Amino acid sequence: MTATGEASVIVHSTPGMLAEDAAARLIIRLVDAQAARGVASMVLTGGRVAAKVYRAVAASPARDAVDWSRVDVWWGDERFLPGGDPERNETQARLALLDAVPVNPTRMHPMPASDWPDVEDPESAAARYAGALADAAKPGSEILPHFDVLLLGVGEDGHIASVFPEHPAVYETRPAVAVRGAPKPPPIRITLTPPTINTAEEVWLIATGPEKADAVGMALSGAGPVQVPAAGVSGVSRTLWLLDRDAAAHVGPRLRSLR
């Protein structure tokens, strides 16, 4: 891996325990960021496990420790579908968490939907999102805001966000790009690129189930990032893998921390 330090791997007994732990960690991370900077930013992902994490945050007694009006919400990837489509990651996150907390609408940054005005195709949508990132750029950066924590699922093939093995997005340096012909439906998407993902202070990779074990094992044992995009992910200060026992089946005991 191209991490700034060795990745931390925490193995949970069940997916439910993983979701509860990830939710508690996310709340603490946002609170800490607000204590340090006054605001916090998170980049969300999609998928069943992510939805469990978001629901656990919404149900947590500690959720109101976060000043949600000072949280910037971004997305790592999106399906190029109409707004409100149940397959959109934005829709999932709103239903599971964001509609339940007082997020400032101006701090919510969904990736453009296919029916937005002036969005002609996924390429124009990706360019528009790159523009939104640049508009929120941190001091000293012309193109990207500060990301405190960025969440990623890991696909059975080792993909992260909508960066699939040996697809063009794996080689991209632009902040956000269109994806056509994705091997996982729907085939047309928008994604942040690996260099953008790796600017986050912390990157958390979340995976459950035996079908993820091969990809996780390869990513943590030095696979190439073109063949296994998850292998090329690294946070600036921390790279955290949150796994259940099944997904961690091929992770060596030296890397594991059991919960």
C-alpha atoms as a PDB file:
ATOM      1  CA  MET A   1       0.000   0.000   0.000  1.00  0.00           C
ATOM      2  CA  THR A   2       1.053   3.612  -0.507  1.00  0.00           C
ATOM      3  CA  ALA A   3       0.032   4.654   2.976  1.00  0.00           C
ATOM      4  CA  THR A   4       1.817   7.264   5.058  1.00  0.00           C
ATOM      5  CA  GLY A   5       2.119   4.590   7.715  1.00  0.00           C
ATOM      6  CA  GLU A   6       0.939   1.074   8.199  1.00  0.00           C
ATOM      7  CA  ALA A   7      -2.801   0.757   7.902  1.00  0.00           C
ATOM      8  CA  SER A   8      -4.819   0.057  11.033  1.00  0.00           C
ATOM      9  CA  VAL A   9      -7.118  -2.957  10.731  1.00  0.00           C
ATOM     10  CA  ILE A  10      -9.925  -3.512  13.216  1.00  0.00           C
ATOM     11  CA  VAL A  11     -11.891  -6.733  12.968  1.00  0.00           C
ATOM     12  CA  HIS A  12     -15.401  -6.945  14.419  1.00  0.00           C
ATOM     13  CA  SER A  13     -17.307 -10.078  15.285  1.00  0.00           C
ATOM     14  CA  THR A  14     -20.411  -9.106  13.275  1.00  0.00           C
ATOM     15  CA  PRO A  15     -21.488  -6.504  10.684  1.00  0.00           C
ATOM     16  CA  GLY A  16     -23.774  -5.020  13.319  1.00  0.00           C
ATOM     17  CA  MET A  17     -20.897  -4.496  15.727  1.00  0.00           C
ATOM     18  CA  LEU A  18     -18.877  -2.952  12.914  1.00  0.00           C
ATOM     19  CA  ALA A  19     -21.662  -0.477  12.112  1.00  0.00           C
ATOM     20  CA  GLU A  20     -22.010   0.553  15.762  1.00  0.00           C
ATOM     21  CA  ASP A  21     -18.257   1.028  16.132  1.00  0.00           C
ATOM     22  CA  ALA A  22     -17.930   2.964  12.880  1.00  0.00           C
ATOM     23  CA  ALA A  23     -20.818   5.216  13.910  1.00  0.00           C
ATOM     24  CA  ALA A  24     -19.224   5.969  17.284  1.00  0.00           C
ATOM     25  CA  ARG A  25     -15.886   6.662  15.613  1.00  0.00           C
ATOM     26  CA  LEU A  26     -17.491   8.953  13.046  1.00  0.00           C
ATOM     27  CA  ILE A  27     -19.219  11.026  15.720  1.00  0.00           C
ATOM     28  CA  ILE A  28     -15.947  11.383  17.643  1.00  0.00           C
ATOM     29  CA  ARG A  29     -14.038  12.289  14.483  1.00  0.00           C
ATOM     30  CA  LEU A  30     -16.519  15.040  13.595  1.00  0.00           C
ATOM     31  CA  VAL A  31     -16.538  16.403  17.149  1.00  0.00           C
ATOM     32  CA  ASP A  32     -12.742  16.454  17.230  1.00  0.00           C
ATOM     33  CA  ALA A  33     -12.562  18.213  13.869  1.00  0.00           C
ATOM     34  CA  GLN A  34     -15.012  20.864  15.012  1.00  0.00           C
ATOM     35  CA  ALA A  35     -13.032  21.377  18.207  1.00  0.00           C
ATOM     36  CA  ALA A  36      -9.875  21.894  16.144  1.00  0.00           C
ATOM     37  CA  ARG A  37     -11.201  23.834  13.142  1.00  0.00           C
ATOM     38  CA  GLY A  38     -14.707  25.004  14.008  1.00  0.00           C
ATOM     39  CA  VAL A  39     -16.162  22.924  11.193  1.00  0.00           C
ATOM     40  CA  ALA A  40     -15.950  19.311  10.038  1.00  0.00           C
ATOM     41  CA  SER A  41     -16.181  17.616   6.671  1.00  0.00           C
ATOM     42  CA  MET A  42     -17.005  14.072   5.685  1.00  0.00           C
ATOM     43  CA  VAL A  43     -17.129  12.239   2.380  1.00  0.00           C
ATOM     44  CA  LEU A  44     -19.826   9.591   2.218  1.00  0.00           C
ATOM     45  CA  THR A  45     -20.044   6.325   0.344  1.00  0.00           C
ATOM     46  CA  GLY A  46     -22.921   4.036  -0.605  1.00  0.00           C
ATOM     47  CA  GLY A  47     -23.861   0.430  -0.035  1.00  0.00           C
ATOM     48  CA  ARG A  48     -25.620  -1.696   2.551  1.00  0.00           C
ATOM     49  CA  VAL A  49     -22.905  -1.488   5.194  1.00  0.00           C
ATOM     50  CA  ALA A  50     -22.646   2.278   4.831  1.00  0.00           C
ATOM     51  CA  ALA A  51     -26.400   2.589   5.301  1.00  0.00           C
ATOM     52  CA  LYS A  52     -26.109   0.605   8.544  1.00  0.00           C
ATOM     53  CA  VAL A  53     -23.398   2.975   9.741  1.00  0.00           C
ATOM     54  CA  TYR A  54     -25.498   6.036   8.924  1.00  0.00           C
ATOM     55  CA  ARG A  55     -28.537   4.604  10.672  1.00  0.00           C
ATOM     56  CA  ALA A  56     -26.391   3.832  13.717  1.00  0.00           C
ATOM     57  CA  VAL A  57     -25.194   7.453  13.784  1.00  0.00           C
ATOM     58  CA  ALA A  58     -28.797   8.694  13.554  1.00  0.00           C
ATOM     59  CA  ALA A  59     -29.837   6.389  16.423  1.00  0.00           C
ATOM     60  CA  SER A  60     -26.850   7.181  18.634  1.00  0.00           C
ATOM     61  CA  PRO A  61     -27.457   9.111  21.873  1.00  0.00           C
ATOM     62  CA  ALA A  62     -24.176  10.886  21.142  1.00  0.00           C
ATOM     63  CA  ARG A  63     -25.163  12.188  17.718  1.00  0.00           C
ATOM     64  CA  ASP A  64     -26.084  15.639  19.052  1.00  0.00           C
ATOM     65  CA  ALA A  65     -22.524  16.140  20.273  1.00  0.00           C
ATOM     66  CA  VAL A  66     -21.897  17.053  16.627  1.00  0.00           C
ATOM     67  CA  ASP A  67     -22.962  20.503  15.485  1.00  0.00           C
ATOM     68  CA  TRP A  68     -24.493  19.253  12.268  1.00  0.00           C
ATOM     69  CA  SER A  69     -25.004  22.789  10.994  1.00  0.00           C
ATOM     70  CA  ARG A  70     -21.207  23.008  10.709  1.00  0.00           C
ATOM     71  CA  VAL A  71     -20.591  19.733   8.872  1.00  0.00           C
ATOM     72  CA  ASP A  72     -19.757  19.770   5.173  1.00  0.00           C
ATOM     73  CA  VAL A  73     -21.065  16.657   3.425  1.00  0.00           C
ATOM     74  CA  TRP A  74     -19.502  15.403   0.199  1.00  0.00           C
ATOM     75  CA  TRP A  75     -19.789  12.154  -1.739  1.00  0.00           C
ATOM     76  CA  GLY A  76     -17.059   9.883  -3.054  1.00  0.00           C
ATOM     77  CA  ASP A  77     -19.112   8.614  -5.968  1.00  0.00           C
ATOM     78  CA  GLU A  78     -22.614   8.567  -7.353  1.00  0.00           C
ATOM     79  CA  ARG A  79     -24.810   6.745  -9.807  1.00  0.00           C
ATOM     80  CA  PHE A  80     -25.772   9.013 -12.710  1.00  0.00           C
ATOM     81  CA  LEU A  81     -29.525   8.777 -12.172  1.00  0.00           C
ATOM     82  CA  PRO A  82     -32.355  11.254 -11.582  1.00  0.00           C
ATOM     83  CA  GLY A  83     -32.528  13.063  -8.264  1.00  0.00           C
ATOM     84  CA  GLY A  84     -34.326  11.039  -5.591  1.00  0.00           C
ATOM     85  CA  ASP A  85     -33.727   7.719  -7.320  1.00  0.00           C
ATOM     86  CA  PRO A  86     -33.437   5.055  -4.593  1.00  0.00           C
ATOM     87  CA  GLU A  87     -30.200   3.783  -6.144  1.00  0.00           C
ATOM     88  CA  ARG A  88     -28.444   7.116  -5.673  1.00  0.00           C
ATOM     89  CA  ASN A  89     -26.001   7.250  -2.762  1.00  0.00           C
ATOM     90  CA  GLU A  90     -27.357  10.671  -1.882  1.00  0.00           C
ATOM     91  CA  THR A  91     -30.882   9.279  -1.511  1.00  0.00           C
ATOM     92  CA  GLN A  92     -29.625   6.480   0.723  1.00  0.00           C
ATOM     93  CA  ALA A  93     -27.655   8.840   2.962  1.00  0.00           C
ATOM     94  CA  ARG A  94     -30.559  11.239   3.302  1.00  0.00           C
ATOM     95  CA  LEU A  95     -32.962   8.490   4.323  1.00  0.00           C
ATOM     96  CA  ALA A  96     -30.515   6.868   6.750  1.00  0.00           C
ATOM     97  CA  LEU A  97     -29.044   9.972   8.395  1.00  0.00           C
ATOM     98  CA  LEU A  98     -29.061  13.388   6.780  1.00  0.00           C
ATOM     99  CA  ASP A  99     -32.824  13.969   6.947  1.00  0.00           C
ATOM    100  CA  ALA A 100     -32.674  13.206  10.682  1.00  0.00           C
ATOM    101  CA  VAL A 101     -30.020  15.780  11.627  1.00  0.00           C
ATOM    102  CA  PRO A 102     -29.942  19.563  11.095  1.00  0.00           C
ATOM    103  CA  VAL A 103     -27.368  19.718   8.304  1.00  0.00           C
ATOM    104  CA  ASN A 104     -27.137  23.152   6.695  1.00  0.00           C
ATOM    105  CA  PRO A 105     -28.419  22.670   3.127  1.00  0.00           C
ATOM    106  CA  THR A 106     -25.673  24.953   1.817  1.00  0.00           C
ATOM    107  CA  ARG A 107     -23.072  22.574   3.298  1.00  0.00           C
ATOM    108  CA  MET A 108     -24.548  19.549   1.517  1.00  0.00           C
ATOM    109  CA  HIS A 109     -22.731  18.801  -1.727  1.00  0.00           C
ATOM    110  CA  PRO A 110     -24.393  15.938  -3.642  1.00  0.00           C
ATOM    111  CA  MET A 111     -22.987  14.907  -6.980  1.00  0.00           C
ATOM    112  CA  PRO A 112     -25.177  16.160  -9.828  1.00  0.00           C
ATOM    113  CA  ALA A 113     -28.143  14.044 -10.835  1.00  0.00           C
ATOM    114  CA  SER A 114     -28.946  13.248 -14.448  1.00  0.00           C
ATOM    115  CA  ASP A 115     -32.028  15.522 -14.373  1.00  0.00           C
ATOM    116  CA  TRP A 116     -30.316  18.604 -12.947  1.00  0.00           C
ATOM    117  CA  PRO A 117     -30.460  21.736 -15.120  1.00  0.00           C
ATOM    118  CA  ASP A 118     -27.386  22.228 -17.301  1.00  0.00           C
ATOM    119  CA  VAL A 119     -26.252  18.624 -16.772  1.00  0.00           C
ATOM    120  CA  GLU A 120     -26.060  17.099 -20.214  1.00  0.00           C
ATOM    121  CA  ASP A 121     -24.046  13.963 -19.499  1.00  0.00           C
ATOM    122  CA  PRO A 122     -21.869  12.400 -16.784  1.00  0.00           C
ATOM    123  CA  GLU A 123     -18.833  14.299 -18.052  1.00  0.00           C
ATOM    124  CA  SER A 124     -20.511  17.665 -17.502  1.00  0.00           C
ATOM    125  CA  ALA A 125     -21.745  16.437 -14.108  1.00  0.00           C
ATOM    126  CA  ALA A 126     -18.210  15.474 -13.083  1.00  0.00           C
ATOM    127  CA  ALA A 127     -16.868  18.841 -14.240  1.00  0.00           C
ATOM    128  CA  ARG A 128     -19.572  20.591 -12.238  1.00  0.00           C
ATOM    129  CA  TYR A 129     -18.598  18.631  -9.122  1.00  0.00           C
ATOM    130  CA  ALA A 130     -14.948  19.480  -9.656  1.00  0.00           C
ATOM    131  CA  GLY A 131     -16.054  23.098  -9.751  1.00  0.00           C
ATOM    132  CA  ALA A 132     -17.908  22.715  -6.450  1.00  0.00           C
ATOM    133  CA  LEU A 133     -14.782  21.212  -4.901  1.00  0.00           C
ATOM    134  CA  ALA A 134     -12.690  24.131  -6.174  1.00  0.00           C
ATOM    135  CA  ASP A 135     -15.208  26.653  -4.848  1.00  0.00           C
ATOM    136  CA  ALA A 136     -14.789  25.137  -1.373  1.00  0.00           C
ATOM    137  CA  ALA A 137     -11.012  24.753  -1.656  1.00  0.00           C
ATOM    138  CA  LYS A 138      -8.971  25.045   1.523  1.00  0.00           C
ATOM    139  CA  PRO A 139      -6.360  27.801   1.876  1.00  0.00           C
ATOM    140  CA  GLY A 140      -3.284  26.837  -0.087  1.00  0.00           C
ATOM    141  CA  SER A 141      -5.205  24.552  -2.433  1.00  0.00           C
ATOM    142  CA  GLU A 142      -6.742  25.667  -5.691  1.00  0.00           C
ATOM    143  CA  ILE A 143      -8.902  22.648  -6.312  1.00  0.00           C
ATOM    144  CA  LEU A 144      -9.878  20.726  -3.155  1.00  0.00           C
ATOM    145  CA  PRO A 145     -11.470  21.380   0.229  1.00  0.00           C
ATOM    146  CA  HIS A 146     -10.290  19.827   3.478  1.00  0.00           C
ATOM    147  CA  PHE A 147     -11.726  16.354   4.100  1.00  0.00           C
ATOM    148  CA  ASP A 148     -11.573  15.208   7.736  1.00  0.00           C
ATOM    149  CA  VAL A 149     -12.820  11.693   7.066  1.00  0.00           C
ATOM    150  CA  LEU A 150     -13.632   9.874   3.846  1.00  0.00           C
ATOM    151  CA  LEU A 151     -15.594   6.619   3.914  1.00  0.00           C
ATOM    152  CA  LEU A 152     -15.184   3.903   1.313  1.00  0.00           C
ATOM    153  CA  GLY A 153     -16.753   0.552   0.705  1.00  0.00           C
ATOM    154  CA  VAL A 154     -14.634  -2.161  -0.900  1.00  0.00           C
ATOM    155  CA  GLY A 155     -16.028  -4.167  -3.789  1.00  0.00           C
ATOM    156  CA  GLU A 156     -15.544  -7.872  -4.391  1.00  0.00           C
ATOM    157  CA  ASP A 157     -13.144  -6.884  -7.183  1.00  0.00           C
ATOM    158  CA  GLY A 158     -11.295  -4.423  -4.952  1.00  0.00           C
ATOM    159  CA  HIS A 159     -12.927  -1.296  -6.361  1.00  0.00           C
ATOM    160  CA  ILE A 160     -13.421   1.798  -4.222  1.00  0.00           C
ATOM    161  CA  ALA A 161     -15.901   4.605  -4.924  1.00  0.00           C
ATOM    162  CA  SER A 162     -16.522   4.031  -8.654  1.00  0.00           C
ATOM    163  CA  VAL A 163     -12.864   3.396  -9.413  1.00  0.00           C
ATOM    164  CA  PHE A 164     -12.831  -0.116 -10.863  1.00  0.00           C
ATOM    165  CA  PRO A 165      -9.824  -2.327 -11.623  1.00  0.00           C
ATOM    166  CA  GLU A 166      -8.036  -1.322 -14.834  1.00  0.00           C
ATOM    167  CA  HIS A 167     -10.740   1.226 -15.734  1.00  0.00           C
ATOM    168  CA  PRO A 168      -9.709   4.696 -16.932  1.00  0.00           C
ATOM    169  CA  ALA A 169     -10.554   6.351 -13.586  1.00  0.00           C
ATOM    170  CA  VAL A 170      -7.696   4.424 -11.967  1.00  0.00           C
ATOM    171  CA  TYR A 171      -5.232   6.522 -13.972  1.00  0.00           C
ATOM    172  CA  GLU A 172      -6.995   9.884 -13.607  1.00  0.00           C
ATOM    173  CA  THR A 173      -5.562  12.944 -11.882  1.00  0.00           C
ATOM    174  CA  ARG A 174      -8.583  15.228 -12.261  1.00  0.00           C
ATOM    175  CA  PRO A 175     -10.586  15.636  -9.024  1.00  0.00           C
ATOM    176  CA  ALA A 176     -13.771  13.989 -10.325  1.00  0.00           C
ATOM    177  CA  VAL A 177     -14.530  12.097 -13.516  1.00  0.00           C
ATOM    178  CA  ALA A 178     -17.317  10.327 -15.333  1.00  0.00           C
ATOM    179  CA  VAL A 179     -17.358   6.544 -15.412  1.00  0.00           C
ATOM    180  CA  ARG A 180     -18.925   4.685 -18.314  1.00  0.00           C
ATOM    181  CA  GLY A 181     -19.237   0.939 -18.634  1.00  0.00           C
ATOM    182  CA  ALA A 182     -18.841   0.174 -14.951  1.00  0.00           C
ATOM    183  CA  PRO A 183     -18.877  -3.597 -14.392  1.00  0.00           C
ATOM    184  CA  LYS A 184     -21.372  -3.115 -11.576  1.00  0.00           C
ATOM    185  CA  PRO A 185     -24.794  -1.652 -12.439  1.00  0.00           C
ATOM    186  CA  PRO A 186     -25.712   1.048 -13.096  1.00  0.00           C
ATOM    187  CA  PRO A 187     -22.908   1.439 -15.633  1.00  0.00           C
ATOM    188  CA  ILE A 188     -22.784   5.255 -15.746  1.00  0.00           C
ATOM    189  CA  ARG A 189     -21.403   7.002 -12.659  1.00  0.00           C
ATOM    190  CA  ILE A 190     -19.370   9.887 -11.302  1.00  0.00           C
ATOM    191  CA  THR A 191     -16.449   9.381  -8.946  1.00  0.00           C
ATOM    192  CA  LEU A 192     -13.693  11.131  -7.087  1.00  0.00           C
ATOM    193  CA  THR A 193     -10.324   9.927  -8.321  1.00  0.00           C
ATOM    194  CA  PRO A 194      -7.623   8.224  -6.242  1.00  0.00           C
ATOM    195  CA  PRO A 195      -5.433  11.340  -5.879  1.00  0.00           C
ATOM    196  CA  THR A 196      -8.438  13.254  -4.541  1.00  0.00           C
ATOM    197  CA  ILE A 197      -9.403  10.463  -2.155  1.00  0.00           C
ATOM    198  CA  ASN A 198      -5.871  10.376  -0.796  1.00  0.00           C
ATOM    199  CA  THR A 199      -6.004  14.042   0.265  1.00  0.00           C
ATOM    200  CA  ALA A 200      -8.399  13.182   3.122  1.00  0.00           C
ATOM    201  CA  GLU A 201      -6.955  13.357   6.622  1.00  0.00           C
ATOM    202  CA  GLU A 202      -8.434   9.953   7.396  1.00  0.00           C
ATOM    203  CA  VAL A 203      -9.684   7.319   4.966  1.00  0.00           C
ATOM    204  CA  TRP A 204     -11.818   4.498   6.350  1.00  0.00           C
ATOM    205  CA  LEU A 205     -12.388   1.374   4.261  1.00  0.00           C
ATOM    206  CA  ILE A 206     -15.364  -0.689   5.367  1.00  0.00           C
ATOM    207  CA  ALA A 207     -16.071  -4.259   4.271  1.00  0.00           C
ATOM    208  CA  THR A 208     -18.137  -7.194   5.481  1.00  0.00           C
ATOM    209  CA  GLY A 209     -18.815 -10.686   4.225  1.00  0.00           C
ATOM    210  CA  PRO A 210     -16.760 -13.577   2.828  1.00  0.00           C
ATOM    211  CA  GLU A 211     -17.158 -12.303  -0.727  1.00  0.00           C
ATOM    212  CA  LYS A 212     -14.894  -9.349   0.176  1.00  0.00           C
ATOM    213  CA  ALA A 213     -12.144 -11.439   1.779  1.00  0.00           C
ATOM    214  CA  ASP A 214      -9.993 -11.931  -1.336  1.00  0.00           C
ATOM    215  CA  ALA A 215     -10.035  -8.243  -2.276  1.00  0.00           C
ATOM    216  CA  VAL A 216      -9.276  -7.120   1.278  1.00  0.00           C
ATOM    217  CA  GLY A 217      -6.466  -9.654   1.614  1.00  0.00           C
ATOM    218  CA  MET A 218      -4.873  -8.556  -1.656  1.00  0.00           C
ATOM    219  CA  ALA A 219      -5.187  -4.851  -0.851  1.00  0.00           C
ATOM    220  CA  LEU A 220      -3.443  -5.344   2.484  1.00  0.00           C
ATOM    221  CA  SER A 221      -0.687  -7.560   1.120  1.00  0.00           C
ATOM    222  CA  GLY A 222       0.783  -5.212  -1.455  1.00  0.00           C
ATOM    223  CA  ALA A 223      -1.348  -5.660  -4.574  1.00  0.00           C
ATOM    224  CA  GLY A 224      -1.049  -3.031  -7.293  1.00  0.00           C
ATOM    225  CA  PRO A 225      -3.608  -0.190  -7.244  1.00  0.00           C
ATOM    226  CA  VAL A 226      -4.500  -0.618 -10.915  1.00  0.00           C
ATOM    227  CA  GLN A 227      -5.551  -4.233 -10.368  1.00  0.00           C
ATOM    228  CA  VAL A 228      -6.915  -3.619  -6.839  1.00  0.00           C
ATOM    229  CA  PRO A 229      -7.809   0.068  -6.412  1.00  0.00           C
ATOM    230  CA  ALA A 230      -8.314  -0.363  -2.656  1.00  0.00           C
ATOM    231  CA  ALA A 231      -4.584  -1.091  -2.417  1.00  0.00           C
ATOM    232  CA  GLY A 232      -3.774   2.468  -3.486  1.00  0.00           C
ATOM    233  CA  VAL A 233      -5.831   4.225  -0.825  1.00  0.00           C
ATOM    234  CA  SER A 234      -4.127   6.124   1.972  1.00  0.00           C
ATOM    235  CA  GLY A 235      -5.236   8.910   4.277  1.00  0.00           C
ATOM    236  CA  VAL A 236      -2.858  11.768   5.046  1.00  0.00           C
ATOM    237  CA  SER A 237      -2.787  10.954   8.763  1.00  0.00           C
ATOM    238  CA  ARG A 238      -4.639   7.650   9.011  1.00  0.00           C
ATOM    239  CA  THR A 239      -5.852   4.726   6.935  1.00  0.00           C
ATOM    240  CA  LEU A 240      -8.360   2.603   8.846  1.00  0.00           C
ATOM    241  CA  TRP A 241      -9.838  -0.695   7.737  1.00  0.00           C
ATOM    242  CA  LEU A 242     -13.059  -1.680   9.533  1.00  0.00           C
ATOM    243  CA  LEU A 243     -13.874  -5.315   8.783  1.00  0.00           C
ATOM    244  CA  ASP A 244     -15.988  -8.153  10.044  1.00  0.00           C
ATOM    245  CA  ARG A 245     -14.432 -11.583  10.601  1.00  0.00           C
ATOM    246  CA  ASP A 246     -15.525 -12.903   7.229  1.00  0.00           C
ATOM    247  CA  ALA A 247     -14.017 -10.009   5.275  1.00  0.00           C
ATOM    248  CA  ALA A 248     -10.808 -10.306   7.324  1.00  0.00           C
ATOM    249  CA  ALA A 249     -10.344 -14.010   6.577  1.00  0.00           C
ATOM    250  CA  HIS A 250      -7.160 -13.407   4.550  1.00  0.00           C
ATOM    251  CA  VAL A 251      -5.686 -10.647   6.710  1.00  0.00           C
ATOM    252  CA  GLY A 252      -2.583 -11.726   8.592  1.00  0.00           C
ATOM    253  CA  PRO A 253      -2.722 -11.742  12.405  1.00  0.00           C
ATOM    254  CA  ARG A 254       0.031  -9.135  12.602  1.00  0.00           C
ATOM    255  CA  LEU A 255      -2.302  -6.498  11.133  1.00  0.00           C
ATOM    256  CA  ARG A 256      -5.431  -7.385  13.080  1.00  0.00           C
ATOM    257  CA  SER A 257      -6.918  -5.710  16.101  1.00  0.00           C
ATOM    258  CA  LEU A 258      -9.970  -7.645  17.311  1.00  0.00           C
ATOM    259  CA  ARG A 259     -13.058  -6.001  18.730  1.00  0.00           C
END
